Amino acid sequence: MFSVHPQFQFNTFPLLLSKFHVHFMINTVIVFRMTVCVCVCVCVFASSSMLQTLNEWLWWERLWLPANVSWSDLEDTEGRVYAKASQLHAALPCALCMLVVRYVFERFLATPLADFWEVKDRIRLPAEINPLLENHFCSRARVPSQADVRSLCKKTSWSERRIQVWFRRRRNQDRPALRKRFCEASWRCVFYFFAFLGGILALYDKPWFYNLKEVWAGFPKQSMLPSQYWYYILEMGFYTSLLLSLTFDVKRKDFKEQVVHHVATLTLLSFSWIANYIRIGTIVMALHDSADILLEGAKVLNYAKWHRTANAMFVVFVANFMGTRLVIFPFWLIHCTWVYPVERFPPFFGYYFFNVMLVVLLMLHLFWAVLISRMLCKVIFSKLEGDDRSDEEEEDSDAAKERNHKLSHTNGPGARDRASGH
């Protein structure tokens, strides 16, 4: 017969199983943690190795510099200072400062100027609260088709005109006001003016400003000048601030092209700084700023209802744009970066990359030249009332009646004629 030890009882089995279960769980957790630690260590080691490899590849000398030139050749020596990638870190704080300066400028300078020139926003009647139409507006289309209008009429029991008026007013609610466009154009005009002035001061006494072959004299062992450093940092800070504020600024028809332009400009400036293409980079920036001053200035005057002066400035801008962006830029500057360098050293990756980015800017210039040509036609036929790229506000007949009614009551019987420009 099977005998059980007197000290051993069957009721001790649950206790033993419980202890075994606890020990098993503890060991499992320990093994799991050790496995996780090992995996993390392996991942960290692999990622650090990958980052090191990526870093070595990114700063491979043949990507940035001509043959027989190394980074050691561009180390600072007594009397010679070279551009370094780490110096570009100042562009981000500069961009944040630009946003602060812009806010102060628009708040305390542009807004009083708008008051002085009587730049006023149109009266906007709010769209009626309708969840069904709001859902269609946000998820499907801001401008409904005729079939959508008929369908919405059945769902809401509204007339077609009431549906169309609702969508017109709802679109106007999302559009920036005239004073906002005025302040934004004022800020850009002022910046481009001082940036262009600074660029000319940094270039006027340099031999490469008058003889483009001097751009490549001694390349890439060209010492950096303080004026070049500040010109680059301010321009990069400005375009970074535009990129950061793009979603809050006046939305234009060329929104995607604006993003491409800002990214291409920042890429071009960064690469030209690191590869020491600084001389040609400063000339390219000054060339672009010269036309932007006139464009933003014409927009400011147009918003202020100085239409004749604005149209005259716009014509000057068109001549400047076509001359600088479509003639000087491709046939002088791109020719300078495409032809002259190969006379001194064999082509390398940086040579091709820099020229490709310049061609991207040229393509954007051609796109904007088409828009500018349309605007010029409107100026000639006296129909230009704003930037052809802007998301213009649609006229609301009811709002116009209310505006004229308010003017007639507040300013007298002649106010309506004055509001119409007579």
Protein backbone atom coordinates (compact mmCIF):
# COMPACT_ATOMS: atom_id res chain seq x y z
CA MET A 1 0.00 0.00 0.00
CA PHE A 2 1.05 3.51 -0.73
CA SER A 3 1.63 5.35 2.51
CA VAL A 4 1.77 9.09 3.04
CA HIS A 5 4.24 10.64 5.40
CA PRO A 6 2.43 11.85 8.45
CA GLN A 7 3.85 15.35 8.04
CA PHE A 8 2.78 15.52 4.44
CA GLN A 9 -0.81 16.38 3.77
CA PHE A 10 -2.63 16.62 0.44
CA ASN A 11 -3.86 20.07 1.32
CA THR A 12 -0.24 21.34 0.93
CA PHE A 13 -0.38 20.88 -2.87
CA PRO A 14 -2.14 24.21 -3.56
CA LEU A 15 0.49 26.01 -1.50
CA LEU A 16 3.34 24.36 -3.41
CA LEU A 17 1.70 25.12 -6.75
CA SER A 18 1.21 28.74 -5.71
CA LYS A 19 4.89 29.10 -4.74
CA PHE A 20 5.96 27.44 -7.99
CA HIS A 21 3.73 29.80 -9.97
CA VAL A 22 5.19 32.86 -8.20
CA HIS A 23 8.78 31.75 -8.82
CA PHE A 24 7.97 31.00 -12.45
CA MET A 25 6.47 34.45 -12.99
CA ILE A 26 9.42 36.18 -11.30
CA ASN A 27 11.92 34.30 -13.46
CA THR A 28 9.87 35.04 -16.57
CA VAL A 29 9.86 38.77 -15.80
CA ILE A 30 13.61 38.70 -15.17
CA VAL A 31 14.27 36.92 -18.46
CA PHE A 32 11.94 39.33 -20.31
CA ARG A 33 13.70 42.37 -18.86
CA MET A 34 17.11 40.96 -19.71
CA THR A 35 15.91 40.28 -23.25
CA VAL A 36 14.59 43.83 -23.59
CA CYS A 37 17.87 45.25 -22.27
CA VAL A 38 19.85 43.17 -24.73
CA CYS A 39 17.59 44.26 -27.61
CA VAL A 40 17.88 47.91 -26.60
CA CYS A 41 21.66 47.64 -26.39
CA VAL A 42 21.79 46.00 -29.81
CA CYS A 43 19.48 48.67 -31.29
CA VAL A 44 21.48 51.51 -29.73
CA PHE A 45 24.72 50.03 -31.00
CA ALA A 46 23.24 49.48 -34.46
CA SER A 47 21.67 52.94 -34.59
CA SER A 48 24.87 54.61 -33.41
CA SER A 49 26.77 52.66 -36.03
CA MET A 50 24.21 53.64 -38.68
CA LEU A 51 24.31 57.27 -37.60
CA GLN A 52 28.08 57.24 -37.70
CA THR A 53 27.99 55.72 -41.18
CA LEU A 54 25.37 58.24 -42.31
CA ASN A 55 27.39 61.09 -40.84
CA GLU A 56 30.52 59.90 -42.61
CA TRP A 57 28.64 59.60 -45.89
CA LEU A 58 26.94 63.00 -45.47
CA TRP A 59 30.24 64.78 -44.90
CA TRP A 60 32.16 62.84 -47.51
CA GLU A 61 34.48 65.39 -49.05
CA ARG A 62 33.73 64.38 -52.63
CA LEU A 63 30.08 65.42 -52.14
CA TRP A 64 30.93 68.97 -51.17
CA LEU A 65 34.41 69.78 -52.43
CA PRO A 66 36.37 69.40 -55.67
CA ALA A 67 39.01 66.72 -56.05
CA ASN A 68 42.26 67.16 -54.12
CA VAL A 69 40.51 69.41 -51.57
CA SER A 70 39.66 68.22 -48.05
CA TRP A 71 37.95 69.69 -45.00
CA SER A 72 41.34 70.19 -43.40
CA ASP A 73 42.14 72.70 -46.14
CA LEU A 74 39.21 74.83 -44.91
CA GLU A 75 40.24 75.03 -41.27
CA ASP A 76 40.62 78.52 -39.87
CA THR A 77 44.10 79.98 -39.90
CA GLU A 78 45.48 83.32 -38.84
CA GLY A 79 43.80 85.97 -40.97
CA ARG A 80 41.52 83.51 -42.80
CA VAL A 81 38.09 82.37 -41.56
CA TYR A 82 36.01 79.83 -43.48
CA ALA A 83 32.29 79.08 -43.41
CA LYS A 84 31.20 76.16 -41.21
CA ALA A 85 27.96 74.20 -41.07
CA SER A 86 27.60 74.83 -37.33
CA GLN A 87 27.25 78.55 -38.00
CA LEU A 88 23.91 77.92 -39.70
CA HIS A 89 22.37 76.94 -36.36
CA ALA A 90 21.87 80.66 -35.77
CA ALA A 91 19.25 80.73 -38.54
CA LEU A 92 16.52 79.17 -36.36
CA PRO A 93 16.83 81.67 -33.45
CA CYS A 94 17.00 84.38 -36.10
CA ALA A 95 13.73 83.07 -37.61
CA LEU A 96 12.01 83.20 -34.21
CA CYS A 97 13.29 86.74 -33.71
CA MET A 98 11.96 87.61 -37.16
CA LEU A 99 8.50 86.43 -36.13
CA VAL A 100 8.64 88.63 -33.03
CA VAL A 101 9.89 91.63 -35.02
CA ARG A 102 7.18 91.03 -37.60
CA TYR A 103 4.48 91.00 -34.92
CA VAL A 104 5.78 94.26 -33.44
CA PHE A 105 6.05 95.84 -36.89
CA GLU A 106 2.54 94.85 -37.95
CA ARG A 107 1.05 95.81 -34.59
CA PHE A 108 2.69 99.19 -34.02
CA LEU A 109 3.72 100.39 -37.48
CA ALA A 110 1.69 98.73 -40.24
CA THR A 111 -1.65 98.94 -38.42
CA PRO A 112 -1.38 102.71 -37.71
CA LEU A 113 -0.30 103.19 -41.33
CA ALA A 114 -3.40 101.27 -42.43
CA ASP A 115 -5.51 103.58 -40.25
CA PHE A 116 -3.81 106.64 -41.75
CA TRP A 117 -4.50 105.46 -45.29
CA GLU A 118 -8.01 104.33 -44.32
CA VAL A 119 -7.47 100.71 -45.26
CA LYS A 120 -10.66 99.09 -43.99
CA ASP A 121 -12.06 95.59 -44.08
CA ARG A 122 -15.27 94.82 -45.88
CA ILE A 123 -18.38 94.12 -43.87
CA ARG A 124 -18.88 90.37 -43.75
CA LEU A 125 -22.24 88.83 -42.97
CA PRO A 126 -21.72 85.54 -41.10
CA ALA A 127 -23.04 82.32 -42.58
CA GLU A 128 -26.08 80.83 -40.87
CA ILE A 129 -25.44 77.92 -38.55
CA ASN A 130 -26.16 74.75 -40.48
CA PRO A 131 -24.30 71.53 -39.52
CA LEU A 132 -25.19 69.79 -42.78
CA LEU A 133 -23.75 72.54 -44.98
CA GLU A 134 -20.77 72.95 -42.66
CA ASN A 135 -19.95 69.27 -43.00
CA HIS A 136 -20.19 69.48 -46.79
CA PHE A 137 -18.01 72.60 -46.80
CA CYS A 138 -15.27 71.06 -44.62
CA SER A 139 -15.21 67.51 -45.94
CA ARG A 140 -16.29 67.66 -49.58
CA ALA A 141 -16.07 70.99 -51.40
CA ARG A 142 -15.81 74.69 -50.63
CA VAL A 143 -17.48 75.46 -53.97
CA PRO A 144 -20.34 73.00 -54.54
CA SER A 145 -21.32 71.88 -58.01
CA GLN A 146 -24.80 72.51 -59.35
CA ALA A 147 -25.72 68.90 -58.62
CA ASP A 148 -24.51 69.29 -55.03
CA VAL A 149 -26.57 72.47 -54.66
CA ARG A 150 -29.73 70.67 -55.80
CA SER A 151 -29.01 67.79 -53.43
CA LEU A 152 -28.44 70.15 -50.52
CA CYS A 153 -31.65 72.00 -51.35
CA LYS A 154 -33.60 68.77 -50.88
CA LYS A 155 -31.82 67.94 -47.62
CA THR A 156 -32.16 71.40 -46.07
CA SER A 157 -35.38 72.61 -47.74
CA TRP A 158 -33.52 75.79 -48.72
CA SER A 159 -33.63 77.54 -52.07
CA GLU A 160 -30.66 77.36 -54.45
CA ARG A 161 -29.84 81.03 -53.96
CA ARG A 162 -29.83 80.63 -50.19
CA ILE A 163 -27.43 77.68 -50.50
CA GLN A 164 -25.13 79.64 -52.81
CA VAL A 165 -25.17 82.68 -50.51
CA TRP A 166 -24.32 80.46 -47.53
CA PHE A 167 -21.28 78.98 -49.27
CA ARG A 168 -20.14 82.44 -50.45
CA ARG A 169 -20.33 83.84 -46.93
CA ARG A 170 -18.69 80.75 -45.47
CA ARG A 171 -15.75 81.07 -47.88
CA ASN A 172 -15.38 84.73 -47.01
CA GLN A 173 -15.17 83.86 -43.31
CA ASP A 174 -11.96 81.91 -43.95
CA ARG A 175 -10.36 84.54 -46.13
CA PRO A 176 -7.92 87.05 -44.63
CA ALA A 177 -9.11 90.59 -44.24
CA LEU A 178 -7.76 93.46 -46.31
CA ARG A 179 -5.87 94.95 -43.37
CA LYS A 180 -4.12 91.63 -42.78
CA ARG A 181 -2.96 91.55 -46.40
CA PHE A 182 -1.82 95.16 -46.09
CA CYS A 183 0.22 94.46 -42.94
CA GLU A 184 1.79 91.34 -44.43
CA ALA A 185 2.79 93.10 -47.65
CA SER A 186 4.19 96.04 -45.65
CA TRP A 187 6.40 93.73 -43.59
CA ARG A 188 7.77 91.95 -46.63
CA CYS A 189 8.36 95.21 -48.49
CA VAL A 190 10.35 96.67 -45.58
CA PHE A 191 12.42 93.52 -45.12
CA TYR A 192 13.24 93.17 -48.82
CA PHE A 193 14.23 96.84 -48.97
CA PHE A 194 16.72 96.59 -46.11
CA ALA A 195 17.93 93.15 -47.24
CA PHE A 196 18.60 94.48 -50.74
CA LEU A 197 20.33 97.54 -49.30
CA GLY A 198 22.48 95.31 -47.08
CA GLY A 199 23.30 93.05 -50.02
CA ILE A 200 24.44 95.97 -52.16
CA LEU A 201 26.59 97.31 -49.31
CA ALA A 202 28.16 93.87 -48.97
CA LEU A 203 28.84 93.59 -52.72
CA TYR A 204 29.47 97.01 -54.22
CA ASP A 205 33.24 97.04 -53.50
CA LYS A 206 33.87 93.39 -54.37
CA PRO A 207 35.51 92.51 -57.71
CA TRP A 208 33.22 89.48 -58.27
CA PHE A 209 30.18 91.78 -58.32
CA TYR A 210 31.45 93.27 -61.59
CA ASN A 211 33.39 90.32 -63.02
CA LEU A 212 31.68 86.97 -62.41
CA LYS A 213 34.84 85.02 -63.17
CA GLU A 214 36.24 86.38 -59.91
CA VAL A 215 33.57 84.34 -58.10
CA TRP A 216 35.75 81.25 -58.59
CA ALA A 217 39.15 82.83 -57.98
CA GLY A 218 40.81 80.67 -55.32
CA PHE A 219 37.72 78.48 -54.83
CA PRO A 220 37.04 76.84 -52.43
CA LYS A 221 39.72 78.43 -50.25
CA GLN A 222 37.86 81.75 -50.01
CA SER A 223 37.78 83.49 -46.65
CA MET A 224 34.37 84.37 -45.21
CA LEU A 225 33.55 88.03 -44.58
CA PRO A 226 31.40 89.24 -41.64
CA SER A 227 29.02 91.00 -44.06
CA GLN A 228 28.47 87.70 -45.89
CA TYR A 229 27.75 85.88 -42.64
CA TRP A 230 25.08 88.34 -41.50
CA TYR A 231 23.54 88.57 -44.96
CA TYR A 232 23.16 84.79 -45.09
CA ILE A 233 21.83 84.40 -41.55
CA LEU A 234 19.24 87.17 -41.96
CA GLU A 235 18.03 85.81 -45.30
CA MET A 236 17.83 82.25 -43.98
CA GLY A 237 16.08 83.45 -40.84
CA PHE A 238 13.55 85.37 -42.94
CA TYR A 239 12.72 82.46 -45.27
CA THR A 240 12.53 80.07 -42.31
CA SER A 241 10.05 82.44 -40.64
CA LEU A 242 8.00 82.52 -43.85
CA LEU A 243 7.97 78.74 -43.88
CA LEU A 244 6.86 78.63 -40.24
CA SER A 245 4.08 81.19 -40.80
CA LEU A 246 2.95 79.91 -44.19
CA THR A 247 -0.26 78.39 -42.84
CA PHE A 248 -1.19 81.66 -41.07
CA ASP A 249 -0.33 84.05 -43.89
CA VAL A 250 -2.57 85.05 -46.78
CA LYS A 251 -3.17 81.87 -48.75
CA ARG A 252 -2.48 82.24 -52.45
CA LYS A 253 -3.14 80.12 -55.49
CA ASP A 254 0.56 79.25 -55.66
CA PHE A 255 0.66 77.92 -52.09
CA LYS A 256 2.47 74.70 -53.08
CA GLU A 257 4.91 76.62 -55.26
CA GLN A 258 5.62 78.93 -52.32
CA VAL A 259 6.50 75.93 -50.15
CA VAL A 260 8.78 74.55 -52.88
CA HIS A 261 10.39 77.98 -53.28
CA HIS A 262 11.11 78.43 -49.57
CA VAL A 263 12.47 74.88 -49.19
CA ALA A 264 14.60 75.21 -52.35
CA THR A 265 15.90 78.59 -51.20
CA LEU A 266 16.86 77.31 -47.75
CA THR A 267 18.47 74.20 -49.27
CA LEU A 268 20.38 76.33 -51.75
CA LEU A 269 21.57 78.77 -49.11
CA SER A 270 22.61 75.98 -46.73
CA PHE A 271 24.50 74.07 -49.39
CA SER A 272 26.18 77.17 -50.81
CA TRP A 273 27.31 78.13 -47.31
CA ILE A 274 28.78 74.73 -46.43
CA ALA A 275 30.42 74.26 -49.85
CA ASN A 276 31.71 77.87 -49.76
CA TYR A 277 29.66 79.05 -52.74
CA ILE A 278 29.13 82.25 -50.76
CA ARG A 279 30.16 84.77 -53.38
CA ILE A 280 27.64 83.64 -55.98
CA GLY A 281 25.07 83.06 -53.22
CA THR A 282 25.11 86.71 -52.13
CA ILE A 283 24.67 87.87 -55.72
CA VAL A 284 21.69 85.54 -56.24
CA MET A 285 20.01 86.82 -53.05
CA ALA A 286 20.48 90.49 -53.96
CA LEU A 287 19.14 89.84 -57.45
CA HIS A 288 15.95 88.28 -56.09
CA ASP A 289 15.36 90.94 -53.43
CA SER A 290 15.44 93.76 -56.00
CA ALA A 291 12.21 92.59 -57.66
CA ASP A 292 10.41 91.59 -54.45
CA ILE A 293 10.62 95.16 -53.10
CA LEU A 294 8.63 96.49 -56.04
CA LEU A 295 6.04 93.70 -55.92
CA GLU A 296 5.26 94.10 -52.22
CA GLY A 297 5.34 97.89 -52.51
CA ALA A 298 2.82 97.79 -55.37
CA LYS A 299 0.54 95.58 -53.30
CA VAL A 300 0.73 97.96 -50.33
CA LEU A 301 -0.22 100.93 -52.51
CA ASN A 302 -3.00 98.94 -54.18
CA TYR A 303 -4.54 98.01 -50.82
CA ALA A 304 -4.33 101.70 -49.85
CA LYS A 305 -6.35 102.55 -53.01
CA TRP A 306 -3.44 104.39 -54.65
CA HIS A 307 -4.24 102.53 -57.83
CA ARG A 308 -2.38 104.68 -60.36
CA THR A 309 0.83 104.70 -58.32
CA ALA A 310 0.45 100.99 -57.62
CA ASN A 311 -0.03 100.21 -61.31
CA ALA A 312 3.01 102.30 -62.25
CA MET A 313 5.13 100.51 -59.65
CA PHE A 314 3.80 97.17 -60.85
CA VAL A 315 4.88 97.92 -64.41
CA VAL A 316 8.37 98.73 -63.09
CA PHE A 317 8.28 95.46 -61.16
CA VAL A 318 7.38 93.49 -64.30
CA ALA A 319 10.32 95.02 -66.16
CA ASN A 320 12.62 94.26 -63.21
CA PHE A 321 11.32 90.70 -62.83
CA MET A 322 11.64 89.83 -66.49
CA GLY A 323 15.10 91.37 -66.66
CA THR A 324 16.56 89.89 -63.47
CA ARG A 325 14.78 86.53 -63.14
CA LEU A 326 14.44 85.54 -66.80
CA VAL A 327 17.52 87.17 -68.34
CA ILE A 328 20.29 87.93 -65.83
CA PHE A 329 19.61 84.90 -63.62
CA PRO A 330 19.78 82.19 -66.32
CA PHE A 331 22.18 83.79 -68.82
CA TRP A 332 24.63 85.36 -66.37
CA LEU A 333 24.41 83.68 -62.97
CA ILE A 334 23.58 80.09 -64.00
CA HIS A 335 26.11 80.46 -66.81
CA CYS A 336 28.62 81.54 -64.16
CA THR A 337 27.95 78.46 -62.01
CA TRP A 338 27.71 76.05 -64.96
CA VAL A 339 30.59 77.07 -67.25
CA TYR A 340 33.29 78.85 -65.25
CA PRO A 341 33.87 76.21 -62.50
CA VAL A 342 34.84 73.42 -64.94
CA GLU A 343 37.63 75.65 -66.22
CA ARG A 344 39.30 75.34 -62.79
CA PHE A 345 38.36 71.88 -61.48
CA PRO A 346 36.54 68.73 -62.68
CA PRO A 347 32.79 68.53 -61.95
CA PHE A 348 31.73 66.90 -58.69
CA PHE A 349 28.44 66.20 -56.91
CA GLY A 350 28.20 69.66 -55.32
CA TYR A 351 28.66 71.28 -58.72
CA TYR A 352 25.69 69.38 -60.18
CA PHE A 353 23.50 69.72 -57.08
CA PHE A 354 23.97 73.49 -56.85
CA ASN A 355 23.11 74.00 -60.51
CA VAL A 356 20.05 71.74 -60.27
CA MET A 357 18.71 73.84 -57.37
CA LEU A 358 19.26 77.01 -59.41
CA VAL A 359 17.29 75.44 -62.27
CA VAL A 360 14.45 74.63 -59.82
CA LEU A 361 14.30 78.34 -58.95
CA LEU A 362 14.30 79.18 -62.64
CA MET A 363 11.29 76.89 -63.19
CA LEU A 364 9.45 78.71 -60.41
CA HIS A 365 10.36 82.02 -62.06
CA LEU A 366 8.79 80.82 -65.30
CA PHE A 367 5.63 79.76 -63.44
CA TRP A 368 5.36 83.16 -61.74
CA ALA A 369 6.09 84.92 -65.03
CA VAL A 370 2.82 83.46 -66.34
CA LEU A 371 0.89 84.81 -63.34
CA ILE A 372 2.60 88.18 -63.66
CA SER A 373 1.69 88.34 -67.35
CA ARG A 374 -1.97 87.83 -66.43
CA MET A 375 -1.73 90.59 -63.85
CA LEU A 376 -0.08 92.89 -66.38
CA CYS A 377 -2.99 92.34 -68.77
CA LYS A 378 -5.39 93.31 -65.99
CA VAL A 379 -3.36 96.46 -65.31
CA ILE A 380 -3.46 97.39 -68.97
CA PHE A 381 -7.24 96.95 -69.07
CA SER A 382 -7.67 98.63 -65.64
CA LYS A 383 -9.13 95.57 -63.94
CA LEU A 384 -6.43 94.76 -61.40
CA GLU A 385 -7.74 95.04 -57.85
CA GLY A 386 -5.31 92.78 -56.00
CA ASP A 387 -2.68 90.11 -56.19
CA ASP A 388 -3.67 87.54 -58.81
CA ARG A 389 -2.27 84.86 -56.51
CA SER A 390 -4.40 85.88 -53.52
CA ASP A 391 -7.54 84.14 -52.37
CA GLU A 392 -9.74 87.18 -53.03
CA GLU A 393 -12.92 87.92 -51.13
CA GLU A 394 -16.18 87.41 -53.01
CA GLU A 395 -18.68 90.23 -53.12
CA ASP A 396 -21.86 89.63 -51.13
CA SER A 397 -24.78 91.67 -52.45
CA ASP A 398 -26.45 91.76 -49.05
CA ALA A 399 -23.22 92.86 -47.39
CA ALA A 400 -22.76 95.57 -50.00
CA LYS A 401 -26.26 96.87 -49.33
CA GLU A 402 -25.59 96.90 -45.59
CA ARG A 403 -22.26 98.69 -46.10
CA ASN A 404 -23.84 101.36 -48.30
CA HIS A 405 -26.72 101.71 -45.85
CA LYS A 406 -24.29 102.25 -42.97
CA LEU A 407 -22.23 104.75 -44.97
CA SER A 408 -25.30 106.74 -45.97
CA HIS A 409 -26.40 107.01 -42.33
CA THR A 410 -23.00 107.78 -40.81
CA ASN A 411 -21.38 110.00 -43.44
CA GLY A 412 -24.26 111.68 -45.18
CA PRO A 413 -25.88 111.32 -48.58
CA GLY A 414 -22.59 111.68 -50.51
CA ALA A 415 -20.86 108.83 -48.76
CA ARG A 416 -22.15 106.18 -51.14
CA ASP A 417 -20.66 107.99 -54.12
CA ARG A 418 -17.34 108.40 -52.31
CA ALA A 419 -17.33 104.69 -51.43
CA SER A 420 -17.81 103.89 -55.10
CA GLY A 421 -14.85 106.06 -56.06
CA HIS A 422 -16.86 108.88 -57.73
